[in-house]
Amino acid sequence: MDTTTGPRLIGLVLTENAAQVGVEPFFMELIAGMEQVLAPTGAGVLLLVVADLAAELATYRRWADEDTVEAVVVVNIVHADVRPETLAALGLPAVLAGRYTGPATLTGVVTDDAGAMTAAIDLLVTLGHRVIGRVSGPAGLVHTAERTAAMHAAAERLGLQVRIVEADYSAEAGVRAARELLAGRPAPTAVIFDNDVMAAAAEEDLVRSGRRVPDQVSLLAFADSALCELAVPPLSAMSIDAHEHGVSLGRAVLDVLTGAARQDRAGPPIRMQQRASTGPAPGGIS
């Protein structure tokens, strides 16, 4: 890319509804972290929201043809993901935010989603919960599958009942899925949500309907944010520092642009942030 004709740009494409992106704290913090690293080098993030995978792939082809960006960051890695191979064929440098096992040789920044799910289940078990529900993200995402496998493994190890309802990360889907879980018998005494938006919306719906959190049901979110802190009661969360994750991605991009060898790098650790939305299972710890 000829940097004399304009700013250096690193592309990031999201295939989500633009309005949803506007309320998704994780991505905003991720971009802020990337730009903290990129800005001193004269680079910035070019964010584009498109309708679907076909539009995302078309964007990469256009960017490669027009020399728009120096590199791209790819998020929400799915099984049999075609994007890494497409980018390799286009000769467009890329960093993957997540685990990828396909043929393309690209650098990735990988977080321990399985370990975080295991830690979440272990916490709930120490509080006496034996029936645990989960509102997951889309099943096709690699990190969703990693969390699901870890949840089932923990259930088998500890003799738990677990139920999972798939959703799409939106507030509305989180509410619907939580209602579905809690209408089951036996109803879960704790529910894990795969993002903060679904958890906060579901908690508001439950409290409004008269269900006491955490006395009747404990709630725990993945992806901590201000939404979790401002919820009533404040939501416990498996907290990945999205800003630091963005910093890791930004550093990986700069390394790739200087010709560093492909390697998977560990993302920031996922830590438990326990707040008022989790408590002992109804009836006390057994």
Foldseek 3Di string as FASTA:
>chain_A
DPCVVDFAEEEEEAQDDPVVVVVAVLVVLLQLLLCVLCVVVRYHYDYYYDNDDVVVLVVLLVCLVVVPHQAYEYEQDFPVDCVLVSCVVSVHAYEYADDDDDDRQHAYAHAQLLVLLLVVVVVQLQLAWQEEEEAFADPRGPSSVSSVVSNVVSCVVPVGHYYYDYAHPACVRLQVRQVVQCVDVVRGLEYEYAALNSQLSNVVVCVVVPHDFNQRHAYEYEDDDVSQVPRVVRHKYQHDSSSQQSNVRSVSVVCVSVPHGHDYHYGGYGHIDDTRRDHHGHVTHD
